Protein backbone atom coordinates (compact mmCIF):
# COMPACT_ATOMS: atom_id res chain seq x y z
CA MET A 1 -43.68 -86.77 -37.31
CA SER A 2 -46.43 -84.78 -38.82
CA ARG A 3 -45.74 -81.62 -40.80
CA SER A 4 -47.68 -79.42 -38.37
CA LEU A 5 -45.67 -80.66 -35.36
CA PHE A 6 -42.40 -79.97 -37.19
CA VAL A 7 -43.46 -76.40 -37.96
CA THR A 8 -44.41 -75.86 -34.33
CA LEU A 9 -41.02 -77.06 -32.99
CA LEU A 10 -39.10 -74.97 -35.55
CA SER A 11 -41.05 -71.85 -34.53
CA ALA A 12 -40.29 -72.49 -30.84
CA LEU A 13 -36.55 -72.85 -31.55
CA LEU A 14 -36.49 -69.60 -33.53
CA LEU A 15 -38.26 -67.72 -30.73
CA ALA A 16 -35.84 -69.10 -28.09
CA GLY A 17 -32.82 -68.10 -30.19
CA GLY A 18 -34.15 -64.58 -30.68
CA ALA A 19 -34.80 -64.13 -26.97
CA LEU A 20 -31.27 -65.30 -26.10
CA GLY A 21 -29.75 -62.92 -28.64
CA TYR A 22 -31.78 -59.98 -27.32
CA PHE A 23 -30.65 -60.75 -23.73
CA GLN A 24 -26.97 -60.78 -24.74
CA LEU A 25 -27.29 -57.48 -26.61
CA THR A 26 -29.03 -55.68 -23.72
CA LYS A 27 -26.64 -56.76 -20.89
CA THR A 28 -25.22 -53.81 -18.82
CA PRO A 29 -21.44 -53.19 -18.86
CA GLU A 30 -21.26 -54.28 -15.22
CA GLU A 31 -22.97 -57.59 -16.01
CA ALA A 32 -20.78 -58.09 -19.06
CA THR A 33 -17.53 -57.66 -17.06
CA ARG A 34 -18.61 -59.39 -13.84
CA PRO A 35 -15.87 -61.79 -12.57
CA GLN A 36 -16.65 -65.39 -13.36
CA GLY A 37 -15.67 -66.75 -9.94
CA ARG A 38 -18.05 -67.96 -7.32
CA GLY A 39 -21.56 -66.63 -7.65
CA GLY A 40 -23.88 -65.14 -5.07
CA ALA A 41 -22.54 -62.99 -2.23
CA GLY A 42 -18.93 -63.80 -3.06
CA ALA A 43 -19.32 -62.30 -6.54
CA MET A 44 -21.07 -59.19 -5.15
CA MET A 45 -18.13 -58.51 -2.77
CA GLY A 46 -15.51 -59.13 -5.46
CA ARG A 47 -14.33 -62.41 -3.87
CA GLY A 48 -14.25 -64.70 -6.88
CA GLY A 49 -12.18 -67.79 -7.28
CA PRO A 50 -8.48 -67.83 -8.13
CA ALA A 51 -9.16 -66.30 -11.53
CA GLY A 52 -10.76 -63.23 -9.90
CA ALA A 53 -8.31 -62.72 -7.00
CA GLY A 54 -7.24 -59.04 -6.43
CA THR A 55 -9.78 -57.52 -8.87
CA LEU A 56 -12.27 -54.74 -8.00
CA ASN A 57 -15.96 -55.42 -7.88
CA THR A 58 -17.29 -53.23 -10.67
CA THR A 59 -20.83 -53.33 -9.33
CA VAL A 60 -19.72 -51.38 -6.21
CA PRO A 61 -18.51 -47.73 -6.56
CA THR A 62 -14.76 -47.36 -6.20
CA VAL A 63 -13.98 -44.26 -4.13
CA ARG A 64 -11.10 -42.28 -2.70
CA THR A 65 -10.93 -41.19 0.93
CA GLN A 66 -9.14 -38.76 3.20
CA VAL A 67 -8.30 -39.14 6.87
CA ALA A 68 -10.24 -36.82 9.23
CA GLU A 69 -7.73 -34.66 11.13
CA PHE A 70 -9.01 -31.94 13.51
CA SER A 71 -7.02 -28.92 14.68
CA THR A 72 -7.29 -25.21 15.47
CA ARG A 73 -7.30 -23.31 12.19
CA GLN A 74 -7.95 -19.81 10.93
CA PRO A 75 -10.67 -19.90 8.25
CA ALA A 76 -10.88 -17.44 5.38
CA ILE A 77 -13.50 -15.97 3.10
CA THR A 78 -12.97 -15.04 -0.54
CA LEU A 79 -13.95 -11.52 -1.58
CA PHE A 80 -13.59 -9.58 -4.80
CA GLY A 81 -12.22 -6.05 -4.64
CA GLN A 82 -10.94 -3.20 -6.77
CA THR A 83 -7.46 -1.73 -6.45
CA GLN A 84 -7.01 1.97 -5.81
CA PHE A 85 -4.43 4.52 -4.74
CA ALA A 86 -4.71 5.87 -1.21
CA GLN A 87 -4.87 9.54 -2.22
CA THR A 88 -4.66 11.78 -5.27
CA TYR A 89 -2.63 14.99 -5.14
CA GLN A 90 -3.59 17.71 -7.62
CA ILE A 91 -0.63 20.10 -8.02
CA ALA A 92 -1.48 23.63 -9.18
CA SER A 93 0.67 26.64 -10.07
CA PRO A 94 1.26 28.91 -7.02
CA PHE A 95 1.42 32.01 -9.26
CA SER A 96 1.32 33.09 -12.88
CA SER A 97 4.51 32.15 -14.68
CA THR A 98 6.10 30.06 -17.43
CA ILE A 99 7.16 26.40 -17.25
CA GLU A 100 10.94 26.53 -17.26
CA ARG A 101 11.76 22.82 -16.75
CA LEU A 102 9.75 19.59 -16.61
CA ASP A 103 11.49 16.58 -15.02
CA VAL A 104 8.82 13.83 -15.04
CA ARG A 105 6.45 12.08 -17.40
CA ARG A 106 3.21 10.21 -16.89
CA GLY A 107 3.74 6.92 -15.06
CA ASP A 108 7.09 7.90 -13.54
CA PRO A 109 7.63 6.82 -9.91
CA VAL A 110 8.52 9.70 -7.58
CA VAL A 111 9.69 9.98 -3.99
CA ARG A 112 8.88 12.59 -1.40
CA ASN A 113 10.57 15.99 -2.07
CA GLN A 114 11.70 14.98 -5.57
CA VAL A 115 11.70 17.93 -8.03
CA LEU A 116 8.89 17.55 -10.57
CA LEU A 117 9.06 20.84 -12.50
CA GLN A 118 10.44 24.39 -12.28
CA LEU A 119 8.58 27.67 -12.88
CA ASP A 120 10.29 30.81 -14.22
CA THR A 121 11.12 33.18 -11.31
CA ARG A 122 12.77 36.15 -13.09
CA THR A 123 9.80 38.48 -12.50
CA LEU A 124 9.68 37.45 -8.86
CA GLU A 125 13.40 38.06 -8.44
CA ARG A 126 13.00 41.61 -9.83
CA ASN A 127 10.13 42.24 -7.45
CA LEU A 128 12.22 40.91 -4.61
CA ALA A 129 15.06 43.31 -5.42
CA GLN A 130 12.63 46.27 -5.45
CA GLN A 131 11.13 45.16 -2.19
CA HIS A 132 14.55 44.88 -0.63
CA GLY A 133 15.31 48.49 -1.67
CA GLN A 134 12.09 49.73 -0.06
CA ILE A 135 12.96 47.92 3.13
CA LEU A 136 16.39 49.58 3.25
CA ASP A 137 14.79 53.00 2.71
CA MET A 138 12.32 52.42 5.53
CA GLN A 139 15.05 51.26 7.87
CA ALA A 140 16.96 54.50 7.14
CA ARG A 141 13.87 56.60 7.89
CA ILE A 142 13.47 54.81 11.19
CA ARG A 143 17.08 55.49 12.13
CA GLN A 144 16.62 59.20 11.23
CA GLN A 145 13.48 59.35 13.34
CA VAL A 146 15.31 57.89 16.29
CA LEU A 147 18.06 60.49 15.94
CA GLN A 148 15.47 63.25 15.58
CA GLY A 149 13.81 62.07 18.76
CA GLU A 150 17.05 62.17 20.65
CA ALA A 151 17.70 65.69 19.34
CA ASP A 152 14.21 66.84 20.33
CA ILE A 153 14.71 65.60 23.87
CA ALA A 154 18.00 67.51 24.17
CA ALA A 155 16.45 70.65 22.66
CA LEU A 156 13.50 70.43 25.04
CA THR A 157 15.86 70.58 28.00
CA LEU A 158 17.50 73.72 26.63
CA GLU A 159 14.24 75.37 25.76
CA ARG A 160 12.90 74.75 29.22
CA GLU A 161 16.00 76.44 30.67
CA ALA A 162 15.46 79.39 28.30
CA LEU A 163 11.85 79.64 29.47
CA SER A 164 12.99 79.71 33.05
CA LEU A 165 15.42 82.55 32.28
CA ALA A 166 12.71 84.51 30.43
CA GLN A 167 10.39 84.17 33.37
CA ASP A 168 13.12 85.38 35.76
CA ASN A 169 13.76 88.36 33.50
CA LEU A 170 10.04 89.24 33.45
CA ARG A 171 9.93 89.26 37.23
CA ARG A 172 12.99 91.59 37.43
CA VAL A 173 11.53 94.03 34.93
CA GLN A 174 8.24 94.07 36.78
CA ASP A 175 10.14 94.80 40.05
CA LEU A 176 12.01 97.66 38.38
CA GLN A 177 8.76 99.06 37.05
CA ALA A 178 7.33 99.04 40.59
CA ARG A 179 10.28 101.25 41.62
CA ASN A 180 9.87 103.44 38.51
CA LEU A 181 13.13 102.15 37.11
CA ALA A 182 11.61 100.45 34.06
CA SER A 183 8.97 101.44 31.63
CA SER A 184 5.84 99.64 30.69
CA ALA A 185 7.40 98.87 27.31
CA ASP A 186 10.19 96.98 29.00
CA VAL A 187 7.69 94.87 30.90
CA GLU A 188 5.75 94.15 27.73
CA ASN A 189 8.87 93.01 25.87
CA ALA A 190 9.83 90.67 28.72
CA ARG A 191 6.33 89.17 28.75
CA ARG A 192 6.45 88.56 24.97
CA SER A 193 9.76 86.78 25.41
CA VAL A 194 8.24 84.45 28.03
CA ILE A 195 5.21 83.68 25.84
CA SER A 196 7.41 82.93 22.82
CA GLN A 197 9.61 80.62 24.85
CA GLN A 198 6.56 78.83 26.27
CA GLN A 199 5.37 78.15 22.71
CA SER A 200 8.75 76.70 21.79
CA VAL A 201 8.71 74.41 24.82
CA GLN A 202 5.18 73.22 24.00
CA SER A 203 6.12 72.49 20.35
CA ARG A 204 9.20 70.58 21.44
CA GLU A 205 7.24 68.60 24.04
CA LEU A 206 4.70 67.68 21.33
CA ALA A 207 7.50 66.50 19.03
CA VAL A 208 8.96 64.35 21.81
CA ALA A 209 5.53 62.96 22.67
CA ARG A 210 4.87 62.03 19.05
CA GLN A 211 8.22 60.26 18.69
CA ASP A 212 6.90 56.90 19.86
CA ASP A 213 3.85 57.06 17.60
CA THR A 214 5.97 58.00 14.59
CA LEU A 215 8.34 55.11 15.27
CA LEU A 216 5.38 52.73 15.60
CA GLN A 217 4.03 53.86 12.24
CA LEU A 218 7.39 53.51 10.53
CA ASN A 219 8.03 50.08 12.07
CA ALA A 220 4.56 48.93 10.98
CA GLN A 221 5.35 50.00 7.43
CA LEU A 222 8.65 48.15 7.68
CA ASP A 223 6.84 44.99 8.84
CA GLY A 224 4.50 45.21 5.85
CA LEU A 225 7.41 45.53 3.46
CA GLU A 226 9.17 42.59 5.06
CA GLN A 227 6.02 40.44 4.83
CA GLN A 228 5.75 41.26 1.15
CA ARG A 229 9.41 40.33 0.74
CA ASN A 230 8.82 37.02 2.57
CA ALA A 231 5.83 36.28 0.35
CA ILE A 232 7.94 36.82 -2.75
CA GLU A 233 10.68 34.61 -1.35
CA GLU A 234 8.08 31.89 -0.61
CA ASP A 235 6.81 32.14 -4.18
CA ILE A 236 10.35 31.76 -5.48
CA ALA A 237 10.80 28.66 -3.30
CA ALA A 238 7.40 27.33 -4.43
CA ALA A 239 8.45 27.74 -8.06
CA THR A 240 10.35 24.47 -7.60
CA ILE A 241 7.46 21.97 -7.57
CA ARG A 242 8.27 18.90 -5.46
CA ALA A 243 6.48 15.62 -4.78
CA GLN A 244 4.60 15.67 -1.49
CA VAL A 245 4.52 11.86 -1.15
CA ASN A 246 5.96 8.71 -2.62
CA GLY A 247 3.83 7.85 -5.60
CA LEU A 248 3.32 7.72 -9.35
CA VAL A 249 2.78 10.57 -11.79
CA ASP A 250 -0.75 10.12 -13.12
CA THR A 251 -1.22 13.10 -15.47
CA VAL A 252 0.95 15.93 -16.78
CA THR A 253 -1.06 18.82 -18.26
CA VAL A 254 1.75 21.29 -19.15
CA GLN A 255 4.90 21.44 -21.22
CA VAL A 256 8.11 23.46 -21.17
CA GLY A 257 7.60 27.09 -22.22
CA GLN A 258 3.88 27.11 -21.53
CA ASN A 259 2.39 30.11 -19.70
CA VAL A 260 0.27 29.18 -16.68
CA ASN A 261 -1.97 31.25 -14.44
CA ASN A 262 -2.20 31.24 -10.68
CA GLY A 263 -4.07 28.03 -9.72
CA SER A 264 -3.67 26.32 -13.11
CA ALA A 265 -3.42 22.50 -12.95
CA LEU A 266 0.13 21.27 -13.57
CA LEU A 267 0.12 17.52 -12.83
CA THR A 268 -1.42 14.80 -10.67
CA VAL A 269 0.44 12.38 -8.38
CA GLN A 270 -1.14 9.20 -7.01
CA SER A 271 0.09 8.28 -3.54
CA THR A 272 1.37 4.71 -3.22
CA GLU A 273 1.48 4.90 0.57
CA PRO A 274 -0.40 2.69 0.75
CA PHE A 275 -1.77 0.92 -2.32
CA GLN A 276 -5.24 -0.34 -1.44
CA ILE A 277 -8.10 -2.67 -2.32
CA ARG A 278 -11.70 -1.65 -1.76
CA THR A 279 -14.29 -4.38 -1.28
CA THR A 280 -17.54 -5.18 0.54
CA LEU A 281 -17.50 -7.14 3.80
CA PRO A 282 -20.66 -9.28 4.12
CA SER A 283 -23.06 -8.24 6.87
CA GLN A 284 -22.55 -11.40 8.96
CA TYR A 285 -18.92 -10.40 9.59
CA LEU A 286 -19.46 -6.75 10.63
CA ALA A 287 -18.96 -7.63 14.31
CA LEU A 288 -15.32 -8.51 13.51
CA LEU A 289 -14.45 -4.91 12.57
CA ASP A 290 -11.98 -3.69 15.20
CA ARG A 291 -9.41 -0.91 14.77
CA GLU A 292 -7.27 -2.30 17.59
CA ASN A 293 -7.16 -5.80 16.06
CA PRO A 294 -7.72 -5.35 12.32
CA LEU A 295 -8.58 -8.27 10.08
CA ARG A 296 -5.80 -9.47 7.79
CA GLY A 297 -5.63 -11.39 4.57
CA ARG A 298 -3.66 -12.11 1.42
CA VAL A 299 -3.95 -11.38 -2.27
CA ASP A 300 -2.01 -12.63 -5.29
CA TRP A 301 -0.63 -9.45 -6.85
CA GLN A 302 1.80 -9.36 -9.76
CA GLY A 303 2.86 -12.96 -9.11
CA ASN A 304 3.46 -12.48 -5.38
CA SER A 305 1.33 -13.38 -2.38
CA THR A 306 0.94 -10.03 -0.63
CA GLU A 307 -0.34 -9.39 2.90
CA LEU A 308 -3.44 -7.24 3.46
CA VAL A 309 -4.58 -5.25 6.49
CA LEU A 310 -8.12 -3.90 6.85
CA THR A 311 -7.61 -0.23 7.75
CA SER A 312 -10.95 1.55 7.36
CA TRP A 313 -14.60 1.03 6.59
CA GLY A 314 -17.67 3.02 5.75
CA LEU A 315 -20.32 4.10 8.21
CA ASN A 316 -23.30 3.07 6.07
CA ALA A 317 -24.12 -0.55 5.23
CA ASN A 318 -25.71 -1.52 1.93
CA GLN A 319 -27.71 -4.64 1.14
CA GLY A 320 -24.61 -6.83 0.88
CA GLY A 321 -22.57 -5.44 3.78
CA VAL A 322 -20.25 -2.50 4.35
CA SER A 323 -17.53 -1.05 2.15
CA VAL A 324 -14.04 -1.68 3.59
CA THR A 325 -10.52 -0.68 2.54
CA LEU A 326 -7.46 -2.93 2.87
CA ASP A 327 -3.83 -1.82 2.56
CA LEU A 328 -1.38 -3.96 0.58
CA ILE A 329 1.85 -4.45 2.56
CA ASP A 330 4.87 -3.94 0.29
CA PRO A 331 3.12 -4.71 -3.01
CA ARG A 332 5.13 -5.50 -6.11
CA GLY A 333 4.87 -3.11 -9.05
CA PRO A 334 3.50 -2.09 -11.39
CA LEU A 335 0.66 -0.66 -9.33
CA ILE A 336 -2.47 -0.37 -11.47
CA ALA A 337 -5.70 1.06 -10.09
CA SER A 338 -9.26 -0.09 -10.91
CA THR A 339 -8.17 -3.73 -11.25
CA PHE A 340 -10.61 -6.36 -9.93
CA VAL A 341 -8.89 -9.09 -7.91
CA PRO A 342 -9.95 -11.95 -5.61
CA LEU A 343 -8.59 -11.84 -2.08
CA SER A 344 -8.67 -14.01 1.02
CA LEU A 345 -9.70 -12.40 4.30
CA TYR A 346 -8.79 -14.36 7.44
CA LEU A 347 -11.36 -14.84 10.20
CA PRO A 348 -10.63 -15.53 13.90
CA ALA A 349 -9.23 -18.97 14.68
CA VAL A 350 -11.67 -21.83 15.32
CA GLU A 351 -10.98 -24.98 17.37
CA GLN A 352 -11.69 -28.53 16.25
CA VAL A 353 -12.11 -28.02 12.52
CA MET A 354 -10.83 -30.06 9.60
CA SER A 355 -10.10 -29.34 5.97
CA VAL A 356 -12.18 -31.16 3.38
CA PRO A 357 -12.26 -30.79 -0.42
CA THR A 358 -15.26 -29.13 -1.98
CA ASN A 359 -16.21 -32.45 -3.66
CA ALA A 360 -16.65 -34.06 -0.22
CA LEU A 361 -19.50 -31.72 0.78
CA TYR A 362 -23.09 -32.47 -0.09
CA GLY A 363 -25.69 -29.76 0.31
CA ASN A 364 -23.13 -27.70 2.26
CA ASN A 365 -24.00 -29.59 5.43
CA ARG A 366 -23.20 -33.29 4.88
CA LEU A 367 -20.12 -35.47 4.70
CA TYR A 368 -19.87 -39.23 4.39
CA GLU A 369 -17.62 -41.55 6.34
CA VAL A 370 -16.44 -44.78 4.75
CA ALA A 371 -16.67 -47.44 7.48
CA ASP A 372 -16.58 -51.20 6.92
CA GLY A 373 -17.13 -50.72 3.20
CA ARG A 374 -20.29 -48.68 3.61
CA LEU A 375 -21.22 -44.97 3.78
CA VAL A 376 -22.27 -43.25 7.01
CA GLU A 377 -23.74 -39.74 6.80
CA ARG A 378 -22.10 -37.09 9.02
CA THR A 379 -22.93 -33.43 9.67
CA ALA A 380 -20.77 -30.61 8.31
CA ASP A 381 -20.85 -26.97 9.43
CA ILE A 382 -18.73 -24.76 7.13
CA VAL A 383 -16.81 -22.08 9.07
CA GLY A 384 -14.86 -20.75 6.09
CA GLU A 385 -12.44 -21.60 3.34
CA ASP A 386 -9.12 -23.34 3.91
CA PRO A 387 -6.58 -20.52 3.34
CA ASP A 388 -3.95 -23.09 2.39
CA ARG A 389 -6.19 -24.46 -0.41
CA PRO A 390 -8.23 -21.50 -1.64
CA GLY A 391 -11.11 -22.47 -3.87
CA GLN A 392 -10.43 -26.18 -3.30
CA ALA A 393 -11.26 -26.92 0.33
CA TYR A 394 -13.32 -25.72 3.30
CA LEU A 395 -12.76 -25.81 7.05
CA VAL A 396 -15.72 -27.51 8.72
CA ARG A 397 -16.97 -28.63 12.10
CA SER A 398 -18.34 -32.17 11.99
CA ASP A 399 -19.40 -35.17 14.08
CA MET A 400 -16.99 -37.20 11.94
CA PRO A 401 -14.77 -39.32 14.23
CA ALA A 402 -11.10 -38.37 14.32
CA ASN A 403 -8.96 -40.41 11.90
CA ALA A 404 -12.07 -41.68 10.12
CA ASP A 405 -12.03 -42.09 6.35
CA ILE A 406 -13.89 -39.25 4.60
CA LEU A 407 -15.44 -39.87 1.20
CA ILE A 408 -13.86 -37.41 -1.25
CA THR A 409 -15.00 -38.99 -4.53
CA ARG A 410 -18.13 -37.27 -5.79
CA LEU A 411 -21.05 -39.70 -6.00
CA GLU A 412 -24.35 -38.93 -7.67
CA ARG A 413 -26.60 -40.37 -4.96
CA PRO A 414 -24.71 -41.10 -1.74
CA GLU A 415 -26.66 -42.45 1.24
CA THR A 416 -26.04 -44.19 4.51
CA GLY A 417 -25.53 -47.92 4.00
CA LEU A 418 -24.41 -47.67 0.39
CA ARG A 419 -21.65 -50.22 -0.21
CA VAL A 420 -18.42 -48.77 -1.63
CA GLN A 421 -14.85 -49.95 -2.01
CA ARG A 422 -11.71 -47.84 -1.58
CA LEU A 423 -9.33 -47.65 -4.52
CA ASN A 424 -6.52 -49.16 -2.44
CA GLN A 425 -4.72 -48.47 0.79
CA GLN A 426 -1.82 -46.70 -0.89
CA ALA A 427 -4.14 -44.36 -2.78
CA ALA A 428 -6.03 -43.61 0.42
CA GLN A 429 -2.83 -42.67 2.20
CA GLY A 430 -1.89 -40.48 -0.75
CA ASP A 431 -5.18 -38.64 -0.37
CA ARG A 432 -4.29 -37.29 3.06
CA PRO A 433 -4.30 -33.47 3.08
CA SER A 434 -0.91 -31.91 2.67
CA GLN A 435 0.66 -30.98 5.99
CA ARG A 436 1.13 -27.30 5.23
CA PRO A 437 2.00 -24.96 8.08
CA THR A 438 -1.14 -23.49 9.58
CA LEU A 439 -1.56 -19.74 9.73
CA ALA A 440 -0.30 -17.98 12.80
CA VAL A 441 -3.16 -17.26 15.18
CA GLU A 442 -3.05 -13.83 16.78
CA ASP A 443 -4.28 -13.46 20.33
């Protein structure tokens, strides 16, 4: 063999060895671990010889599935709201005084009619005693006026009789004068007596006539004194400051011994009846607002799942929707306002929907069925979140057949016809959605 031929063969062997080494180094992990059973279609489907029996075909995606189960369910939407107290009560001093006693501190819970603080009432009590004395004096004057009226009526009767006698006497004297038995002076004296008695009768009649007006004036003055007395008594009662509602003491702006003026702020009480959450309802749900059948929901508050009822809403919509207020039913303390919390608001019940995990949805409108080892695309119309699995699953309408296997493993590029293999039958059964009780549907 010539030297040139030997060099040529050696070069060819070196090139072949290098190519084989490069091929081994660049093999994919799937090719490196492919079962060494029968080749061709059997190897692609994972059906190797005895050595490969029961193994998964690593060239085909291994997926998990869930059984499609349809029912009537009540979907939910997740909103974010801010807690607040229903109403704030600003308590002010009803009159100028001094703080005598303070029974609460900031943050204390209070119940309706509970004593919060006491104002000094000694000045009011002195004024009340003086007012009571004036009332007694006026009542005595009224009694005297009544007695005077009765006396005037009796005197009027007598004076009228005296006038009648004087008039009779004048007529007799005038008759005697006509017979020259009486002088003109006698007639004049009798006439003066009649005139004097007439004046007395007129004065007495005026006094009797004015009796009613005098009594009205005195009784009006008595009413004014009694109203002033009642006002003082009301101030004394108001000196004991009580809680108007069940709530929490928010601020205390005074201390014992401090002088306060009429209208000065004393403390603030936040009503806990009810404790509320304020949020925005998206515009597409505004038609569901109904005072006769209010929307309900739930919120996790202080470790408890607490029921919500939508009680009121604003009249003006903004870009995102309308502001609504929900009451927490029997919330667990402590109650802290201005806290941002997520909540679930339940929508009306929908027939023929199923719960699917978020990973099963593609583009918010597609699901995939696993049938005969291949994927089949199905439609998905989201109607809301699954209230039993908040943040993890949606309730959807779909053309997915009942009891079909739904793909719940997230694939990067799923498509109809793609070959897949389920993890195993036991795992698939374990992937069925938990049979939690559905929410009660209100008519």
